[in-house]
Amino acid sequence: MIRVVLCDDHALVRRGIRDTLTEAVDLRVVGEAADYGELREVLRNTTCDVLLLDINLPGRDGLDVLTTLKAEGMPIKVLMVSMYPEDQYAIRSLRAGASGYVNKAGDPMLLINAVRTVAAGRKYVTPEIAQMLVDSLTHEPTQALHNTLSDREMQTLLKIASGKRLSDIAEELMLSPKTVSVYRARVLEKLKLANNAELTVYAIRSGLV
């Protein structure tokens, strides 16, 4: 039996994933969490094989949590689950130590297959991610400016480009508005942009939103 813990801040999403996984007789959801604090508590009291971890969590985002778990030597295998397209976060997730990356909008059967693959000690990548990995090995690297952003800066970029105000972003990420403003300033500087309008255009042209 493969024991799975879910970490996503949306209860309806967790329910959908749980319902999908329970269709497989060899998978069992043994715990759920909405943020890093709840996840720590679940992992202290529950033995699991695979953690399904959302990237867009309040407070500490999924990539921060992943880095912490790996730094602490947690033996759990982590499968990142996100609404973001593969080209935005898949490679970042794998480099940070994830065993795989799955888009929430994908076929539910792919999620079951991904959990089984990761539990068996293998990496799970979609054909799209595999192609990106091959391209990175066979072509001269062309560093897009947004690839220089930190994970928090990338989050800030995507949320601003989606039309969210800094106060809303601060509330979602459980950060102070001042901190989010600092991230925004760094994004504008790194991307050589002047304001939110230019940032939004950049994100659209780069296929980020």
Protein backbone atom coordinates (compact mmCIF):
# COMPACT_ATOMS: atom_id res chain seq x y z
CA MET A 1 0.00 0.00 0.00
CA ILE A 2 1.34 3.42 -0.98
CA ARG A 3 0.61 5.97 1.75
CA VAL A 4 0.03 9.52 0.49
CA VAL A 5 -0.19 12.90 2.21
CA LEU A 6 -1.83 15.87 0.45
CA CYS A 7 -0.76 19.47 1.00
CA ASP A 8 -2.91 22.06 -0.77
CA ASP A 9 -4.60 25.14 0.68
CA HIS A 10 -7.88 24.50 -1.15
CA ALA A 11 -10.10 21.91 0.52
CA LEU A 12 -12.03 21.25 -2.70
CA VAL A 13 -8.80 20.53 -4.57
CA ARG A 14 -7.67 18.13 -1.84
CA ARG A 15 -11.01 16.38 -2.00
CA GLY A 16 -10.76 16.01 -5.77
CA ILE A 17 -7.25 14.58 -5.53
CA ARG A 18 -8.27 12.27 -2.68
CA ASP A 19 -11.25 10.98 -4.66
CA THR A 20 -8.98 10.35 -7.66
CA LEU A 21 -6.40 8.44 -5.63
CA THR A 22 -8.97 6.29 -3.83
CA GLU A 23 -9.93 4.81 -7.19
CA ALA A 24 -6.62 2.94 -7.08
CA VAL A 25 -6.64 0.01 -4.64
CA ASP A 26 -2.90 0.36 -3.92
CA LEU A 27 -3.06 4.02 -2.86
CA ARG A 28 -4.30 5.43 0.44
CA VAL A 29 -4.46 9.05 1.58
CA VAL A 30 -3.27 9.05 5.20
CA GLY A 31 -3.13 12.78 5.89
CA GLU A 32 -3.97 16.26 4.61
CA ALA A 33 -2.63 19.75 5.24
CA ALA A 34 -3.45 23.27 4.05
CA ASP A 35 -0.07 24.90 4.73
CA TYR A 36 3.45 24.26 6.01
CA GLY A 37 2.46 24.42 9.67
CA GLU A 38 -0.24 21.78 9.28
CA LEU A 39 2.06 19.68 7.10
CA ARG A 40 4.76 19.59 9.79
CA GLU A 41 2.20 18.32 12.27
CA VAL A 42 0.92 15.66 9.87
CA LEU A 43 4.43 14.42 9.04
CA ARG A 44 5.32 14.20 12.74
CA ASN A 45 2.39 11.89 13.40
CA THR A 46 1.96 10.04 10.10
CA THR A 47 4.16 7.69 8.11
CA CYS A 48 3.82 8.26 4.39
CA ASP A 49 5.59 7.30 1.18
CA VAL A 50 4.67 10.17 -1.15
CA LEU A 51 3.82 13.80 -0.45
CA LEU A 52 1.69 15.61 -3.03
CA LEU A 53 2.76 19.21 -2.53
CA ASP A 54 1.14 22.25 -4.12
CA ILE A 55 3.46 25.07 -5.18
CA ASN A 56 1.09 27.95 -4.45
CA LEU A 57 0.72 27.70 -0.66
CA PRO A 58 0.06 30.57 1.77
CA GLY A 59 3.09 31.65 3.75
CA ARG A 60 5.94 29.38 2.73
CA ASP A 61 5.37 28.26 -0.84
CA GLY A 62 5.74 24.68 -2.00
CA LEU A 63 9.28 25.11 -3.30
CA ASP A 64 10.37 26.59 0.03
CA VAL A 65 8.78 23.64 1.83
CA LEU A 66 10.43 21.18 -0.56
CA THR A 67 13.86 22.72 0.04
CA THR A 68 13.35 22.55 3.80
CA LEU A 69 12.26 18.91 3.74
CA LYS A 70 15.29 17.95 1.65
CA ALA A 71 17.66 19.94 3.87
CA GLU A 72 16.29 18.13 6.93
CA GLY A 73 16.89 14.77 5.27
CA MET A 74 13.23 13.76 5.24
CA PRO A 75 12.99 10.39 3.45
CA ILE A 76 9.62 11.23 1.93
CA LYS A 77 9.32 11.41 -1.87
CA VAL A 78 7.74 14.65 -3.09
CA LEU A 79 5.51 15.01 -6.13
CA MET A 80 4.81 18.66 -6.94
CA VAL A 81 1.25 19.41 -8.06
CA SER A 82 0.41 22.79 -9.54
CA MET A 83 -1.91 24.73 -11.81
CA TYR A 84 1.11 26.35 -13.46
CA PRO A 85 2.28 25.01 -16.84
CA GLU A 86 5.32 22.75 -16.88
CA ASP A 87 7.60 25.33 -18.47
CA GLN A 88 7.25 27.63 -15.46
CA TYR A 89 7.96 25.38 -12.50
CA ALA A 90 8.72 21.79 -13.52
CA ILE A 91 12.46 22.20 -13.97
CA ARG A 92 12.69 24.39 -10.87
CA SER A 93 10.91 21.70 -8.88
CA LEU A 94 13.14 18.87 -10.10
CA ARG A 95 16.27 20.90 -9.38
CA ALA A 96 15.00 21.58 -5.87
CA GLY A 97 14.71 17.85 -5.23
CA ALA A 98 11.19 16.89 -6.28
CA SER A 99 10.65 13.42 -7.69
CA GLY A 100 8.13 14.66 -10.23
CA TYR A 101 5.75 17.39 -11.35
CA VAL A 102 2.07 17.10 -12.31
CA ASN A 103 -0.30 19.76 -13.60
CA LYS A 104 -3.64 19.86 -11.77
CA ALA A 105 -5.45 20.23 -15.08
CA GLY A 106 -4.07 16.96 -16.42
CA ASP A 107 -5.69 13.54 -16.76
CA PRO A 108 -6.48 12.10 -13.28
CA MET A 109 -5.01 8.74 -14.34
CA LEU A 110 -1.68 10.50 -14.91
CA LEU A 111 -1.70 11.53 -11.26
CA ILE A 112 -2.18 7.93 -10.15
CA ASN A 113 0.62 6.81 -12.45
CA ALA A 114 2.85 9.61 -11.16
CA VAL A 115 2.33 8.58 -7.52
CA ARG A 116 3.14 4.95 -8.33
CA THR A 117 6.24 5.96 -10.31
CA VAL A 118 7.58 8.20 -7.55
CA ALA A 119 6.80 5.64 -4.83
CA ALA A 120 8.87 3.10 -6.77
CA GLY A 121 11.88 5.39 -6.52
CA ARG A 122 11.82 6.74 -10.06
CA LYS A 123 11.39 10.27 -11.38
CA TYR A 124 8.09 11.16 -13.01
CA VAL A 125 8.17 13.57 -15.93
CA THR A 126 5.61 14.21 -18.64
CA PRO A 127 6.64 14.09 -22.32
CA GLU A 128 6.64 17.92 -22.27
CA ILE A 129 9.09 18.04 -19.37
CA ALA A 130 11.24 15.34 -20.97
CA GLN A 131 11.45 17.44 -24.13
CA MET A 132 12.47 20.50 -22.13
CA LEU A 133 15.23 18.48 -20.46
CA VAL A 134 16.46 17.20 -23.82
CA ASP A 135 16.39 20.71 -25.29
CA SER A 136 18.42 22.03 -22.37
CA LEU A 137 21.10 19.43 -23.09
CA THR A 138 21.22 19.71 -26.86
CA HIS A 139 20.90 23.45 -27.43
CA GLU A 140 23.00 26.40 -26.48
CA PRO A 141 21.50 27.85 -23.30
CA THR A 142 19.45 31.00 -23.91
CA GLN A 143 18.66 32.41 -20.52
CA ALA A 144 15.31 34.18 -20.49
CA LEU A 145 15.31 37.06 -18.04
CA HIS A 146 12.53 35.55 -15.93
CA ASN A 147 14.66 32.45 -15.35
CA THR A 148 16.91 34.62 -13.18
CA LEU A 149 14.06 35.26 -10.73
CA SER A 150 13.89 33.55 -7.37
CA ASP A 151 10.87 31.39 -6.63
CA ARG A 152 9.21 34.16 -4.58
CA GLU A 153 9.94 36.71 -7.30
CA MET A 154 8.41 34.42 -9.91
CA GLN A 155 5.31 34.03 -7.75
CA THR A 156 5.05 37.80 -7.44
CA LEU A 157 5.45 38.23 -11.20
CA LEU A 158 2.70 35.74 -12.00
CA LYS A 159 0.26 37.20 -9.47
CA ILE A 160 0.81 40.80 -10.60
CA ALA A 161 0.46 39.76 -14.23
CA SER A 162 -2.83 38.05 -13.30
CA GLY A 163 -4.16 41.41 -12.13
CA LYS A 164 -3.81 41.02 -8.37
CA ARG A 165 -2.99 43.98 -6.13
CA LEU A 166 0.05 43.95 -3.86
CA SER A 167 -2.21 43.86 -0.79
CA ASP A 168 -3.99 40.77 -2.16
CA ILE A 169 -0.68 39.09 -2.96
CA ALA A 170 0.62 39.87 0.52
CA GLU A 171 -2.47 38.29 2.07
CA GLU A 172 -2.25 35.17 -0.12
CA LEU A 173 1.44 34.63 0.58
CA MET A 174 1.10 35.65 4.25
CA LEU A 175 3.74 38.33 3.82
CA SER A 176 3.76 42.03 4.63
CA PRO A 177 2.85 44.43 1.78
CA LYS A 178 6.31 45.97 2.22
CA THR A 179 7.97 42.60 1.57
CA VAL A 180 5.87 42.04 -1.55
CA SER A 181 6.81 45.54 -2.74
CA VAL A 182 10.47 44.57 -2.39
CA TYR A 183 9.89 41.46 -4.50
CA ARG A 184 8.07 43.56 -7.11
CA ALA A 185 10.97 46.01 -7.26
CA ARG A 186 13.44 43.17 -7.74
CA VAL A 187 11.32 41.69 -10.53
CA LEU A 188 11.11 45.01 -12.36
CA GLU A 189 14.86 45.51 -12.00
CA LYS A 190 15.79 42.03 -13.21
CA LEU A 191 13.39 42.15 -16.14
CA LYS A 192 14.41 45.73 -16.99
CA LEU A 193 10.80 46.96 -16.77
CA ALA A 194 9.31 50.17 -15.45
CA ASN A 195 5.83 49.34 -14.14
CA ASN A 196 3.11 46.72 -13.71
CA ALA A 197 1.74 47.28 -17.21
CA GLU A 198 5.08 46.43 -18.80
CA LEU A 199 5.41 43.48 -16.43
CA THR A 200 2.03 42.14 -17.53
CA VAL A 201 2.92 42.51 -21.22
CA TYR A 202 6.21 40.71 -20.61
CA ALA A 203 4.44 37.83 -18.86
CA ILE A 204 1.91 37.47 -21.69
CA ARG A 205 4.56 37.59 -24.43
CA SER A 206 6.66 35.03 -22.55
CA GLY A 207 3.69 32.69 -22.20
CA LEU A 208 3.75 32.86 -18.41
CA VAL A 209 0.05 33.72 -18.05
